[in-house]
Structures are given as structure tokens and as C-alpha cells.
C-alpha atoms as a PDB file:
ATOM      1  CA  MET A   1      31.312   5.958 -69.750  1.00  0.00           C
ATOM      2  CA  SER A   2      30.291   8.529 -67.283  1.00  0.00           C
ATOM      3  CA  VAL A   3      28.164  11.506 -68.123  1.00  0.00           C
ATOM      4  CA  ARG A   4      29.081  15.024 -67.168  1.00  0.00           C
ATOM      5  CA  PRO A   5      27.393  15.013 -63.748  1.00  0.00           C
ATOM      6  CA  PRO A   6      25.304  18.188 -63.760  1.00  0.00           C
ATOM      7  CA  LEU A   7      23.707  17.409 -67.083  1.00  0.00           C
ATOM      8  CA  ARG A   8      22.651  13.924 -66.328  1.00  0.00           C
ATOM      9  CA  ILE A   9      22.921  12.523 -62.879  1.00  0.00           C
ATOM     10  CA  VAL A  10      22.858  11.651 -59.489  1.00  0.00           C
ATOM     11  CA  SER A  11      22.401  11.292 -54.579  1.00  0.00           C
ATOM     12  CA  ALA A  12      20.455   9.015 -52.699  1.00  0.00           C
ATOM     13  CA  GLY A  13      20.591   9.143 -48.928  1.00  0.00           C
ATOM     14  CA  LEU A  14      23.689   9.587 -46.864  1.00  0.00           C
ATOM     15  CA  ALA A  15      23.239   6.406 -44.893  1.00  0.00           C
ATOM     16  CA  THR A  16      25.734   3.648 -45.429  1.00  0.00           C
ATOM     17  CA  VAL A  17      24.764   0.459 -47.201  1.00  0.00           C
ATOM     18  CA  THR A  18      22.151  -1.448 -45.274  1.00  0.00           C
ATOM     19  CA  ALA A  19      21.766  -5.181 -45.271  1.00  0.00           C
ATOM     20  CA  ALA A  20      18.515  -4.805 -47.138  1.00  0.00           C
ATOM     21  CA  ALA A  21      20.130  -2.739 -49.860  1.00  0.00           C
ATOM     22  CA  LEU A  22      22.833  -5.301 -50.331  1.00  0.00           C
ATOM     23  CA  LEU A  23      20.357  -8.130 -50.468  1.00  0.00           C
ATOM     24  CA  ALA A  24      18.432  -6.280 -53.142  1.00  0.00           C
ATOM     25  CA  GLY A  25      21.556  -6.206 -55.273  1.00  0.00           C
ATOM     26  CA  CYS A  26      22.595  -9.791 -54.633  1.00  0.00           C
ATOM     27  CA  GLY A  27      20.891 -12.892 -55.864  1.00  0.00           C
ATOM     28  CA  SER A  28      20.852 -16.603 -55.291  1.00  0.00           C
ATOM     29  CA  HIS A  29      22.304 -19.417 -57.318  1.00  0.00           C
ATOM     30  CA  SER A  30      20.105 -20.708 -60.078  1.00  0.00           C
ATOM     31  CA  ASP A  31      18.523 -24.125 -59.893  1.00  0.00           C
ATOM     32  CA  GLY A  32      20.808 -25.157 -62.727  1.00  0.00           C
ATOM     33  CA  ASP A  33      23.896 -25.264 -60.496  1.00  0.00           C
ATOM     34  CA  ALA A  34      23.303 -24.081 -56.970  1.00  0.00           C
ATOM     35  CA  SER A  35      26.620 -25.549 -55.841  1.00  0.00           C
ATOM     36  CA  GLY A  36      28.540 -22.573 -57.159  1.00  0.00           C
ATOM     37  CA  GLY A  37      30.671 -24.818 -59.358  1.00  0.00           C
ATOM     38  CA  LYS A  38      31.823 -24.250 -62.908  1.00  0.00           C
ATOM     39  CA  GLY A  39      29.027 -22.739 -64.979  1.00  0.00           C
ATOM     40  CA  ALA A  40      26.988 -21.780 -61.908  1.00  0.00           C
ATOM     41  CA  THR A  41      24.707 -18.794 -62.300  1.00  0.00           C
ATOM     42  CA  ARG A  42      22.660 -16.573 -60.037  1.00  0.00           C
ATOM     43  CA  VAL A  43      20.112 -13.786 -60.429  1.00  0.00           C
ATOM     44  CA  VAL A  44      20.822 -10.188 -59.425  1.00  0.00           C
ATOM     45  CA  ALA A  45      18.537  -7.182 -59.350  1.00  0.00           C
ATOM     46  CA  ALA A  46      19.661  -4.444 -61.734  1.00  0.00           C
ATOM     47  CA  ASP A  47      18.293  -1.307 -63.346  1.00  0.00           C
ATOM     48  CA  ASN A  48      17.465  -3.419 -66.393  1.00  0.00           C
ATOM     49  CA  GLY A  49      15.629  -6.154 -64.489  1.00  0.00           C
ATOM     50  CA  GLN A  50      16.420  -9.480 -62.835  1.00  0.00           C
ATOM     51  CA  ILE A  51      19.549 -10.649 -64.619  1.00  0.00           C
ATOM     52  CA  THR A  52      21.103 -14.106 -64.652  1.00  0.00           C
ATOM     53  CA  ILE A  53      24.876 -13.838 -64.381  1.00  0.00           C
ATOM     54  CA  PRO A  54      27.837 -16.158 -63.705  1.00  0.00           C
ATOM     55  CA  VAL A  55      28.559 -16.799 -60.040  1.00  0.00           C
ATOM     56  CA  ASP A  56      32.268 -16.518 -60.751  1.00  0.00           C
ATOM     57  CA  PRO A  57      32.783 -14.351 -63.841  1.00  0.00           C
ATOM     58  CA  LYS A  58      36.166 -14.609 -65.521  1.00  0.00           C
ATOM     59  CA  ARG A  59      36.041 -11.841 -68.133  1.00  0.00           C
ATOM     60  CA  VAL A  60      34.301  -8.644 -67.053  1.00  0.00           C
ATOM     61  CA  VAL A  61      33.713  -5.410 -68.944  1.00  0.00           C
ATOM     62  CA  ALA A  62      32.913  -2.362 -66.796  1.00  0.00           C
ATOM     63  CA  THR A  63      31.738   1.128 -67.643  1.00  0.00           C
ATOM     64  CA  GLY A  64      31.108   4.400 -65.838  1.00  0.00           C
ATOM     65  CA  TYR A  65      30.800   4.275 -62.050  1.00  0.00           C
ATOM     66  CA  ALA A  66      31.664   0.567 -62.050  1.00  0.00           C
ATOM     67  CA  VAL A  67      35.196   1.268 -63.280  1.00  0.00           C
ATOM     68  CA  PRO A  68      36.892   2.630 -60.133  1.00  0.00           C
ATOM     69  CA  VAL A  69      35.380   0.170 -57.679  1.00  0.00           C
ATOM     70  CA  LEU A  70      36.132  -2.870 -59.861  1.00  0.00           C
ATOM     71  CA  ILE A  71      39.724  -1.753 -60.358  1.00  0.00           C
ATOM     72  CA  GLU A  72      40.026  -1.395 -56.569  1.00  0.00           C
ATOM     73  CA  ALA A  73      38.433  -4.823 -56.101  1.00  0.00           C
ATOM     74  CA  LYS A  74      40.837  -6.423 -58.583  1.00  0.00           C
ATOM     75  CA  ALA A  75      37.943  -7.858 -60.553  1.00  0.00           C
ATOM     76  CA  PRO A  76      38.843  -9.899 -63.668  1.00  0.00           C
ATOM     77  CA  LEU A  77      38.486  -6.942 -66.022  1.00  0.00           C
ATOM     78  CA  VAL A  78      39.156  -7.308 -69.730  1.00  0.00           C
ATOM     79  CA  GLY A  79      37.831  -3.911 -70.794  1.00  0.00           C
ATOM     80  CA  ILE A  80      36.674  -0.618 -69.306  1.00  0.00           C
ATOM     81  CA  SER A  81      35.331   2.724 -70.407  1.00  0.00           C
ATOM     82  CA  THR A  82      37.472   5.748 -69.730  1.00  0.00           C
ATOM     83  CA  TRP A  83      36.973   7.444 -66.345  1.00  0.00           C
ATOM     84  CA  PRO A  84      38.802  10.789 -66.572  1.00  0.00           C
ATOM     85  CA  ARG A  85      36.926  12.414 -63.697  1.00  0.00           C
ATOM     86  CA  GLY A  86      38.420   9.989 -61.186  1.00  0.00           C
ATOM     87  CA  LEU A  87      42.021   9.605 -62.313  1.00  0.00           C
ATOM     88  CA  GLY A  88      43.351  11.913 -59.610  1.00  0.00           C
ATOM     89  CA  LEU A  89      41.718   9.754 -56.944  1.00  0.00           C
ATOM     90  CA  MET A  90      43.423   6.524 -57.979  1.00  0.00           C
ATOM     91  CA  THR A  91      46.465   5.132 -56.201  1.00  0.00           C
ATOM     92  CA  PRO A  92      49.600   4.730 -58.359  1.00  0.00           C
ATOM     93  CA  GLN A  93      48.900   0.993 -58.736  1.00  0.00           C
ATOM     94  CA  GLU A  94      45.244   1.585 -59.629  1.00  0.00           C
ATOM     95  CA  ARG A  95      46.288   4.170 -62.214  1.00  0.00           C
ATOM     96  CA  THR A  96      48.755   1.688 -63.699  1.00  0.00           C
ATOM     97  CA  ASP A  97      46.014  -0.936 -63.893  1.00  0.00           C
ATOM     98  CA  TYR A  98      43.627   1.602 -65.429  1.00  0.00           C
ATOM     99  CA  ASP A  99      46.148   2.605 -68.095  1.00  0.00           C
ATOM    100  CA  LYS A 100      46.861  -1.014 -69.030  1.00  0.00           C
ATOM    101  CA  LEU A 101      43.230  -2.062 -69.388  1.00  0.00           C
ATOM    102  CA  HIS A 102      41.690  -2.095 -72.851  1.00  0.00           C
ATOM    103  CA  LYS A 103      39.329   0.847 -73.364  1.00  0.00           C
ATOM    104  CA  ILE A 104      35.983  -0.114 -74.855  1.00  0.00           C
ATOM    105  CA  GLY A 105      34.355   3.306 -74.734  1.00  0.00           C
ATOM    106  CA  GLY A 106      34.692   6.931 -73.798  1.00  0.00           C
ATOM    107  CA  ALA A 107      33.470   8.955 -70.871  1.00  0.00           C
ATOM    108  CA  THR A 108      29.852   9.168 -72.016  1.00  0.00           C
ATOM    109  CA  ALA A 109      27.196   6.566 -72.688  1.00  0.00           C
ATOM    110  CA  LYS A 110      27.083   7.605 -76.337  1.00  0.00           C
ATOM    111  CA  GLU A 111      30.744   6.678 -76.722  1.00  0.00           C
ATOM    112  CA  THR A 112      30.122   2.973 -76.210  1.00  0.00           C
ATOM    113  CA  ASN A 113      32.124   0.882 -78.670  1.00  0.00           C
ATOM    114  CA  TYR A 114      30.088  -2.271 -79.133  1.00  0.00           C
ATOM    115  CA  GLU A 115      32.605  -3.893 -81.468  1.00  0.00           C
ATOM    116  CA  ALA A 116      35.387  -3.329 -78.943  1.00  0.00           C
ATOM    117  CA  ILE A 117      33.280  -4.877 -76.196  1.00  0.00           C
ATOM    118  CA  ALA A 118      32.531  -7.940 -78.308  1.00  0.00           C
ATOM    119  CA  ALA A 119      36.198  -8.336 -79.132  1.00  0.00           C
ATOM    120  CA  THR A 120      37.073  -8.775 -75.450  1.00  0.00           C
ATOM    121  CA  LYS A 121      34.785 -11.850 -75.293  1.00  0.00           C
ATOM    122  CA  PRO A 122      33.338 -10.988 -71.868  1.00  0.00           C
ATOM    123  CA  ASP A 123      31.175 -13.303 -69.805  1.00  0.00           C
ATOM    124  CA  LEU A 124      29.692 -10.335 -67.933  1.00  0.00           C
ATOM    125  CA  ILE A 125      29.128  -6.659 -68.745  1.00  0.00           C
ATOM    126  CA  ILE A 126      28.537  -4.238 -65.870  1.00  0.00           C
ATOM    127  CA  ILE A 127      27.089  -0.902 -66.982  1.00  0.00           C
ATOM    128  CA  GLY A 128      27.600   1.891 -64.452  1.00  0.00           C
ATOM    129  CA  VAL A 129      25.967   4.793 -66.251  1.00  0.00           C
ATOM    130  CA  PRO A 130      23.412   7.004 -64.520  1.00  0.00           C
ATOM    131  CA  LYS A 131      19.838   5.790 -64.788  1.00  0.00           C
ATOM    132  CA  PRO A 132      18.638   8.866 -66.709  1.00  0.00           C
ATOM    133  CA  VAL A 133      20.977   8.039 -69.615  1.00  0.00           C
ATOM    134  CA  LEU A 134      20.652   4.265 -69.643  1.00  0.00           C
ATOM    135  CA  GLY A 135      18.383   4.684 -72.663  1.00  0.00           C
ATOM    136  CA  GLU A 136      21.388   5.838 -74.680  1.00  0.00           C
ATOM    137  CA  ILE A 137      22.855   2.324 -74.412  1.00  0.00           C
ATOM    138  CA  ASP A 138      21.794  -0.359 -76.902  1.00  0.00           C
ATOM    139  CA  LEU A 139      21.162  -3.009 -74.259  1.00  0.00           C
ATOM    140  CA  LYS A 140      19.852  -5.585 -76.712  1.00  0.00           C
ATOM    141  CA  ARG A 141      23.071  -5.377 -78.661  1.00  0.00           C
ATOM    142  CA  LEU A 142      25.125  -5.800 -75.515  1.00  0.00           C
ATOM    143  CA  GLU A 143      22.936  -8.666 -74.326  1.00  0.00           C
ATOM    144  CA  SER A 144      23.769 -10.509 -77.540  1.00  0.00           C
ATOM    145  CA  ILE A 145      27.396 -10.455 -76.369  1.00  0.00           C
ATOM    146  CA  ALA A 146      27.084 -11.356 -72.673  1.00  0.00           C
ATOM    147  CA  PRO A 147      24.789 -10.895 -69.650  1.00  0.00           C
ATOM    148  CA  VAL A 148      24.385  -7.196 -68.905  1.00  0.00           C
ATOM    149  CA  VAL A 149      23.951  -5.803 -65.386  1.00  0.00           C
ATOM    150  CA  ALA A 150      23.112  -2.102 -65.298  1.00  0.00           C
ATOM    151  CA  ILE A 151      23.820  -0.603 -61.872  1.00  0.00           C
ATOM    152  CA  GLY A 152      24.030   3.167 -62.105  1.00  0.00           C
ATOM    153  CA  PRO A 153      23.169   6.149 -59.912  1.00  0.00           C
ATOM    154  CA  SER A 154      20.138   8.367 -60.144  1.00  0.00           C
ATOM    155  CA  LEU A 155      21.621  10.779 -57.582  1.00  0.00           C
ATOM    156  CA  PRO A 156      25.249  11.606 -56.604  1.00  0.00           C
ATOM    157  CA  SER A 157      25.543  10.010 -53.164  1.00  0.00           C
ATOM    158  CA  ALA A 158      24.289   6.666 -54.471  1.00  0.00           C
ATOM    159  CA  TRP A 159      27.904   5.533 -54.918  1.00  0.00           C
ATOM    160  CA  ARG A 160      27.744   4.034 -51.414  1.00  0.00           C
ATOM    161  CA  GLU A 161      25.202   1.355 -52.259  1.00  0.00           C
ATOM    162  CA  LEU A 162      26.131   1.002 -55.906  1.00  0.00           C
ATOM    163  CA  SER A 163      29.815   0.329 -55.363  1.00  0.00           C
ATOM    164  CA  ALA A 164      28.923  -2.625 -53.113  1.00  0.00           C
ATOM    165  CA  ARG A 165      26.437  -3.996 -55.640  1.00  0.00           C
ATOM    166  CA  GLN A 166      28.824  -3.568 -58.568  1.00  0.00           C
ATOM    167  CA  ALA A 167      31.610  -5.379 -56.718  1.00  0.00           C
ATOM    168  CA  ASP A 168      29.221  -8.163 -55.774  1.00  0.00           C
ATOM    169  CA  ALA A 169      28.069  -8.631 -59.371  1.00  0.00           C
ATOM    170  CA  ALA A 170      31.706  -8.980 -60.473  1.00  0.00           C
ATOM    171  CA  GLY A 171      32.293 -11.763 -57.962  1.00  0.00           C
ATOM    172  CA  ARG A 172      33.950  -9.551 -55.371  1.00  0.00           C
ATOM    173  CA  ALA A 173      31.243  -9.563 -52.717  1.00  0.00           C
ATOM    174  CA  GLY A 174      32.333  -7.951 -49.500  1.00  0.00           C
ATOM    175  CA  HIS A 175      35.152  -5.974 -51.105  1.00  0.00           C
ATOM    176  CA  THR A 176      33.730  -2.663 -49.944  1.00  0.00           C
ATOM    177  CA  GLU A 177      33.240  -3.725 -46.320  1.00  0.00           C
ATOM    178  CA  GLU A 178      36.756  -2.992 -45.133  1.00  0.00           C
ATOM    179  CA  THR A 179      36.937   0.371 -46.867  1.00  0.00           C
ATOM    180  CA  ARG A 180      33.422   1.244 -45.675  1.00  0.00           C
ATOM    181  CA  LYS A 181      34.394   0.609 -42.057  1.00  0.00           C
ATOM    182  CA  ALA A 182      37.533   2.718 -42.428  1.00  0.00           C
ATOM    183  CA  TYR A 183      35.507   5.516 -43.985  1.00  0.00           C
ATOM    184  CA  GLU A 184      32.900   5.426 -41.223  1.00  0.00           C
ATOM    185  CA  LYS A 185      35.603   5.464 -38.552  1.00  0.00           C
ATOM    186  CA  ARG A 186      37.105   8.556 -40.148  1.00  0.00           C
ATOM    187  CA  THR A 187      33.740  10.309 -40.426  1.00  0.00           C
ATOM    188  CA  GLU A 188      33.059   9.730 -36.740  1.00  0.00           C
ATOM    189  CA  GLU A 189      36.447  11.179 -35.840  1.00  0.00           C
ATOM    190  CA  LEU A 190      35.838  14.295 -37.911  1.00  0.00           C
ATOM    191  CA  LYS A 191      32.269  14.627 -36.702  1.00  0.00           C
ATOM    192  CA  ALA A 192      33.536  14.776 -33.136  1.00  0.00           C
ATOM    193  CA  LYS A 193      36.363  17.123 -34.088  1.00  0.00           C
ATOM    194  CA  TYR A 194      34.089  19.690 -35.743  1.00  0.00           C
ATOM    195  CA  ALA A 195      30.901  19.305 -33.709  1.00  0.00           C
ATOM    196  CA  GLY A 196      31.491  22.478 -31.744  1.00  0.00           C
ATOM    197  CA  ALA A 197      32.634  24.463 -34.770  1.00  0.00           C
ATOM    198  CA  VAL A 198      29.930  23.651 -37.334  1.00  0.00           C
ATOM    199  CA  GLY A 199      26.881  23.118 -35.137  1.00  0.00           C
ATOM    200  CA  GLY A 200      24.142  25.605 -35.987  1.00  0.00           C
ATOM    201  CA  LEU A 201      25.940  26.942 -39.080  1.00  0.00           C
ATOM    202  CA  LYS A 202      24.284  27.093 -42.489  1.00  0.00           C
ATOM    203  CA  PHE A 203      26.541  25.873 -45.276  1.00  0.00           C
ATOM    204  CA  GLY A 204      26.231  26.542 -48.985  1.00  0.00           C
ATOM    205  CA  HIS A 205      28.207  24.971 -51.827  1.00  0.00           C
ATOM    206  CA  LEU A 206      29.404  26.275 -55.169  1.00  0.00           C
ATOM    207  CA  GLY A 207      29.823  23.467 -57.677  1.00  0.00           C
ATOM    208  CA  ALA A 208      32.021  23.254 -60.759  1.00  0.00           C
ATOM    209  CA  TYR A 209      29.522  22.346 -63.451  1.00  0.00           C
ATOM    210  CA  ASN A 210      28.137  25.631 -64.659  1.00  0.00           C
ATOM    211  CA  GLU A 211      28.339  27.125 -68.139  1.00  0.00           C
ATOM    212  CA  THR A 212      30.416  30.292 -68.114  1.00  0.00           C
ATOM    213  CA  SER A 213      29.192  31.143 -71.590  1.00  0.00           C
ATOM    214  CA  GLN A 214      25.671  31.220 -70.201  1.00  0.00           C
ATOM    215  CA  GLY A 215      26.592  33.359 -67.206  1.00  0.00           C
ATOM    216  CA  THR A 216      25.512  30.772 -64.650  1.00  0.00           C
ATOM    217  CA  PHE A 217      26.819  29.266 -61.416  1.00  0.00           C
ATOM    218  CA  GLN A 218      26.137  25.853 -59.917  1.00  0.00           C
ATOM    219  CA  ARG A 219      24.515  25.739 -56.498  1.00  0.00           C
ATOM    220  CA  GLU A 220      24.732  22.319 -54.897  1.00  0.00           C
ATOM    221  CA  PHE A 221      22.401  21.329 -52.066  1.00  0.00           C
ATOM    222  CA  ALA A 222      22.420  18.422 -49.635  1.00  0.00           C
ATOM    223  CA  GLY A 223      23.209  15.098 -51.290  1.00  0.00           C
ATOM    224  CA  SER A 224      25.063  16.526 -54.275  1.00  0.00           C
ATOM    225  CA  TRP A 225      28.630  15.859 -55.494  1.00  0.00           C
ATOM    226  CA  GLY A 226      30.347  18.513 -53.443  1.00  0.00           C
ATOM    227  CA  THR A 227      28.200  18.097 -50.327  1.00  0.00           C
ATOM    228  CA  ASN A 228      27.292  14.467 -49.666  1.00  0.00           C
ATOM    229  CA  ILE A 229      30.602  13.420 -48.117  1.00  0.00           C
ATOM    230  CA  ALA A 230      30.967  16.617 -46.087  1.00  0.00           C
ATOM    231  CA  GLN A 231      27.475  16.023 -44.728  1.00  0.00           C
ATOM    232  CA  ASP A 232      28.681  12.774 -43.203  1.00  0.00           C
ATOM    233  CA  ILE A 233      30.725  14.767 -40.687  1.00  0.00           C
ATOM    234  CA  GLY A 234      27.833  17.009 -39.685  1.00  0.00           C
ATOM    235  CA  LEU A 235      27.760  19.914 -42.149  1.00  0.00           C
ATOM    236  CA  ASN A 236      24.277  21.327 -42.743  1.00  0.00           C
ATOM    237  CA  TYR A 237      23.784  22.409 -46.350  1.00  0.00           C
ATOM    238  CA  TYR A 238      20.628  24.485 -46.342  1.00  0.00           C
ATOM    239  CA  GLY A 239      18.056  25.168 -49.051  1.00  0.00           C
ATOM    240  CA  GLN A 240      16.581  23.187 -51.912  1.00  0.00           C
ATOM    241  CA  VAL A 241      16.245  23.385 -55.663  1.00  0.00           C
ATOM    242  CA  LYS A 242      13.533  25.555 -57.169  1.00  0.00           C
ATOM    243  CA  LYS A 243      12.534  22.916 -59.712  1.00  0.00           C
ATOM    244  CA  ASP A 244      13.139  19.185 -59.408  1.00  0.00           C
ATOM    245  CA  THR A 245      12.913  17.484 -62.788  1.00  0.00           C
ATOM    246  CA  GLY A 246      14.578  14.267 -61.657  1.00  0.00           C
ATOM    247  CA  GLY A 247      18.160  13.073 -61.481  1.00  0.00           C
ATOM    248  CA  SER A 248      20.742  15.643 -60.469  1.00  0.00           C
ATOM    249  CA  SER A 249      18.187  18.450 -60.655  1.00  0.00           C
ATOM    250  CA  ALA A 250      16.903  17.218 -57.292  1.00  0.00           C
ATOM    251  CA  VAL A 251      20.109  18.329 -55.580  1.00  0.00           C
ATOM    252  CA  SER A 252      21.666  21.033 -57.755  1.00  0.00           C
ATOM    253  CA  GLU A 253      20.755  23.874 -60.080  1.00  0.00           C
ATOM    254  CA  THR A 254      22.507  26.356 -62.349  1.00  0.00           C
ATOM    255  CA  PRO A 255      20.837  29.762 -62.025  1.00  0.00           C
ATOM    256  CA  SER A 256      22.028  33.035 -63.508  1.00  0.00           C
ATOM    257  CA  ILE A 257      25.020  34.644 -61.807  1.00  0.00           C
ATOM    258  CA  GLU A 258      22.735  37.532 -60.877  1.00  0.00           C
ATOM    259  CA  GLU A 259      20.965  35.171 -58.477  1.00  0.00           C
ATOM    260  CA  LEU A 260      24.134  34.504 -56.488  1.00  0.00           C
ATOM    261  CA  PRO A 261      23.272  36.843 -53.572  1.00  0.00           C
ATOM    262  CA  ALA A 262      19.776  35.382 -53.195  1.00  0.00           C
ATOM    263  CA  SER A 263      21.079  31.821 -53.427  1.00  0.00           C
ATOM    264  CA  LEU A 264      24.073  31.970 -51.076  1.00  0.00           C
ATOM    265  CA  GLY A 265      23.449  35.149 -49.123  1.00  0.00           C
ATOM    266  CA  GLU A 266      22.209  33.290 -46.026  1.00  0.00           C
ATOM    267  CA  ALA A 267      25.209  30.978 -45.810  1.00  0.00           C
ATOM    268  CA  ASP A 268      27.426  31.282 -42.746  1.00  0.00           C
ATOM    269  CA  VAL A 269      30.069  29.241 -44.562  1.00  0.00           C
ATOM    270  CA  ILE A 270      30.510  28.446 -48.244  1.00  0.00           C
ATOM    271  CA  THR A 271      32.462  25.504 -49.606  1.00  0.00           C
ATOM    272  CA  TYR A 272      33.364  25.278 -53.268  1.00  0.00           C
ATOM    273  CA  THR A 273      34.676  22.608 -55.592  1.00  0.00           C
ATOM    274  CA  VAL A 274      38.223  22.800 -56.904  1.00  0.00           C
ATOM    275  CA  GLN A 275      40.165  20.444 -59.130  1.00  0.00           C
ATOM    276  CA  ASP A 276      42.355  17.646 -57.784  1.00  0.00           C
ATOM    277  CA  ASP A 277      45.408  19.932 -57.862  1.00  0.00           C
ATOM    278  CA  GLY A 278      43.585  22.512 -55.765  1.00  0.00           C
ATOM    279  CA  THR A 279      43.022  25.046 -58.530  1.00  0.00           C
ATOM    280  CA  PRO A 280      39.543  26.240 -59.538  1.00  0.00           C
ATOM    281  CA  SER A 281      38.109  25.140 -62.852  1.00  0.00           C
ATOM    282  CA  ALA A 282      37.211  27.839 -65.359  1.00  0.00           C
ATOM    283  CA  GLY A 283      33.577  27.650 -64.246  1.00  0.00           C
ATOM    284  CA  VAL A 284      34.418  28.146 -60.592  1.00  0.00           C
ATOM    285  CA  GLN A 285      36.968  30.873 -61.288  1.00  0.00           C
ATOM    286  CA  TYR A 286      34.315  32.745 -63.242  1.00  0.00           C
ATOM    287  CA  VAL A 287      32.206  32.911 -60.084  1.00  0.00           C
ATOM    288  CA  LEU A 288      35.124  33.691 -57.770  1.00  0.00           C
ATOM    289  CA  ASP A 289      36.007  36.692 -59.940  1.00  0.00           C
ATOM    290  CA  SER A 290      32.489  38.111 -59.757  1.00  0.00           C
ATOM    291  CA  PRO A 291      31.858  41.146 -57.515  1.00  0.00           C
ATOM    292  CA  LEU A 292      28.645  39.392 -56.483  1.00  0.00           C
ATOM    293  CA  TRP A 293      30.690  36.564 -55.011  1.00  0.00           C
ATOM    294  CA  LYS A 294      33.091  38.893 -53.254  1.00  0.00           C
ATOM    295  CA  ASN A 295      30.180  40.689 -51.589  1.00  0.00           C
ATOM    296  CA  LEU A 296      28.583  37.556 -50.129  1.00  0.00           C
ATOM    297  CA  PRO A 297      28.576  37.736 -46.298  1.00  0.00           C
ATOM    298  CA  ALA A 298      30.422  34.434 -45.902  1.00  0.00           C
ATOM    299  CA  VAL A 299      33.082  35.452 -48.409  1.00  0.00           C
ATOM    300  CA  LYS A 300      33.576  38.859 -46.808  1.00  0.00           C
ATOM    301  CA  ALA A 301      33.946  37.089 -43.451  1.00  0.00           C
ATOM    302  CA  GLY A 302      36.702  34.885 -44.880  1.00  0.00           C
ATOM    303  CA  LYS A 303      34.605  31.746 -44.599  1.00  0.00           C
ATOM    304  CA  ALA A 304      34.709  30.368 -48.141  1.00  0.00           C
ATOM    305  CA  TYR A 305      36.712  27.153 -48.349  1.00  0.00           C
ATOM    306  CA  PRO A 306      37.820  24.982 -51.320  1.00  0.00           C
ATOM    307  CA  ILE A 307      37.235  21.223 -51.347  1.00  0.00           C
ATOM    308  CA  ARG A 308      39.114  18.778 -53.565  1.00  0.00           C
ATOM    309  CA  TYR A 309      38.180  15.258 -54.667  1.00  0.00           C
ATOM    310  CA  THR A 310      34.426  15.767 -54.852  1.00  0.00           C
ATOM    311  CA  ALA A 311      34.225  13.149 -57.634  1.00  0.00           C
ATOM    312  CA  ALA A 312      34.870  10.266 -55.220  1.00  0.00           C
ATOM    313  CA  ALA A 313      32.862   7.172 -56.140  1.00  0.00           C
ATOM    314  CA  THR A 314      34.215   4.588 -53.673  1.00  0.00           C
ATOM    315  CA  TYR A 315      34.772   4.506 -49.921  1.00  0.00           C
ATOM    316  CA  ALA A 316      38.540   4.465 -50.384  1.00  0.00           C
ATOM    317  CA  GLN A 317      38.402   7.535 -52.588  1.00  0.00           C
ATOM    318  CA  ALA A 318      35.972   9.285 -50.258  1.00  0.00           C
ATOM    319  CA  GLN A 319      38.563   9.147 -47.479  1.00  0.00           C
ATOM    320  CA  ARG A 320      40.662  11.523 -49.562  1.00  0.00           C
ATOM    321  CA  THR A 321      37.642  13.791 -49.817  1.00  0.00           C
ATOM    322  CA  LEU A 322      37.309  13.697 -46.041  1.00  0.00           C
ATOM    323  CA  ASP A 323      40.958  14.694 -45.705  1.00  0.00           C
ATOM    324  CA  SER A 324      40.314  17.639 -48.020  1.00  0.00           C
ATOM    325  CA  VAL A 325      37.233  18.682 -46.042  1.00  0.00           C
ATOM    326  CA  ASP A 326      39.256  18.438 -42.829  1.00  0.00           C
ATOM    327  CA  GLN A 327      41.983  20.638 -44.273  1.00  0.00           C
ATOM    328  CA  ALA A 328      39.470  23.135 -45.636  1.00  0.00           C
ATOM    329  CA  LEU A 329      37.512  23.530 -42.402  1.00  0.00           C
ATOM    330  CA  ALA A 330      40.526  23.756 -40.086  1.00  0.00           C
ATOM    331  CA  PRO A 331      40.238  27.584 -39.860  1.00  0.00           C
ATOM    332  CA  LEU A 332      36.824  27.177 -38.201  1.00  0.00           C
ATOM    333  CA  LEU A 333      38.487  25.539 -35.210  1.00  0.00           C
ATOM    334  CA  ALA A 334      40.588  28.627 -34.609  1.00  0.00           C
ATOM    335  CA  LYS A 335      37.603  31.004 -34.568  1.00  0.00           C
END
């Protein structure tokens, strides 16, 4: 139940989850059964308020950004929305689990199937749609089925905090800790590896969510889909959006292709999003074929590099993104 990122969403800061952030997402047992026994409940902070949920849920429905992390966490899922953008990032076992799970909705908030959700008889529903589109969900209808916890991003890099909170709500508190530590260890290694090569360079990023029919390109700035993980190893993505209207517009924009030289002309290095198989999407290929692209200083200098797996939404998945960034930037070490 995701929403096509550029139209609707997403990146908070690049810091890892702090204790305070986790505490904000977690709650305490209710007075009704503070022992944590059968029927125990607790209160968690969510986008839709302070929500009373089971301490140990047994039948969980997940949508959007909650899908990949709860599959990784082996939460007791009985239904999920589709998550096509992240299929290439799943391990073989996770993909098997994903395929077997009952689908209760499509890849957008509007594709929610309320009857299908009710049929799974959940005791908890975790909605992982971006905050800007939460209004497209009939929360009252869902609340008549089971407690609803809405934990969705307002910016792309928010997956760090949200994945921990989503796992906690599903009774898998602490699941992300091991993968977070592994991710941070890898970022430190790559930061040290590339410190001498990327220091002082201005990076720009070409995203994949433009409309070719409109003659546009997507410029992503710091904290966006294609940049937030690369930033963790020290890349400096310069510039800012011309108009911030909230959500993803704070970190990306889709200007006319004619603005390409003005937008990316100062970049020493350009990274660009490619699909999981390494090939450009139609939107990216449209830009790569443009004479304006080919005349950019960074492109003419041979410093335009593709990055795969920019749709990572968990720490485990983000390690694959780091591997792609490492592979892409390797030529900088030889120059």
C-alpha cells in the first residue's frame, strides 16, 4: 500500500534511531493487565494518536512501509498489502514468505480492501502509508475491525526510525537492533574508505520518478530516496528545492529537462537511480539520452555513476544499497 514516492512522500534526518525516538514509538502496559499476560494491552504513539494495542499480537495485518520490516522480523502476519517496489531487495526466504501471505490491498492507499482485511480477523492493523496520504484510508472503518496503528513516513529517510517502531508495535521490539549495528559498521567502513576520494566534492542525484511525457527530470537532494543512504558514508549532495510544499517536495523536484544544466551543472559527481537489475527505467533513460545530460561537466568527465536498490526501507536492505554505492564509486579511488 505504498504510494509512488515522488508524488506523495517522504526523509527525516540521517541519524540512526535514538533512544528518545524509540521511546516515543513504544508505550507502557495498560492498567488493565500490566503483567504482560494474556489480553495485556499497551499504548503506543502513532500518526493517528495514542493507540491501545495488544502487548503480544497474534494476527497482524501490515501495509506499505510496514510490510518489508515485519516480514524480516517474522511478525505473525495474516495479511499484507503488495510491495512491488521492494521485491528485488528481499532474500529468497522473505520473497517466499511475501508470496504466500494473503494480499489485502494493492500498492497504493486507495487500493485498500477493507473486506479482505476483515476476513483475516486481525487483532492489530499496522498502516505504513506516508503521512500525506493517510487521509485516503478510512481509519474508522479499519478501527471497527481491530486496533489501527498508523506509522508512515513524511520524508524518505524516515525508514530508520519507522522500521523500529513498526517492529515494536507488532511485538518484535529490538528486531532492528542487530541489523542497525551491522549497517552502521558498514557505513563506517565505507566512510573511511572514501574519505579521501569524496571530501570536498559536490554530488548531485538524478532520480527515477519523473514524467517523460511532461519532459521533466527528477533532481533529488539530501535526504531523498537516492541520496539518504549514500550520505551516510560522507557524500555531500548540494542544493535545495526551489519550492517546498511538504512531504517529498522538501527533498526532490521535477523541473523541465531544459533546466538540467542549471540544476546539475555544478556537480563534480552525479549519481543516478537504476532498477534492481542495473538498467535505467524509462524515465532515467529519457534523461541519459538527452544532449543536455551528455554536456554536463560531470558526465563529460566520466563521473556519472548508477546506484541500485534506492528503495531500501530496512537496515538489512540498506546494506545492499551500500554495496551498490561502493561498487558505483570505486572509480573515484583510482583517480
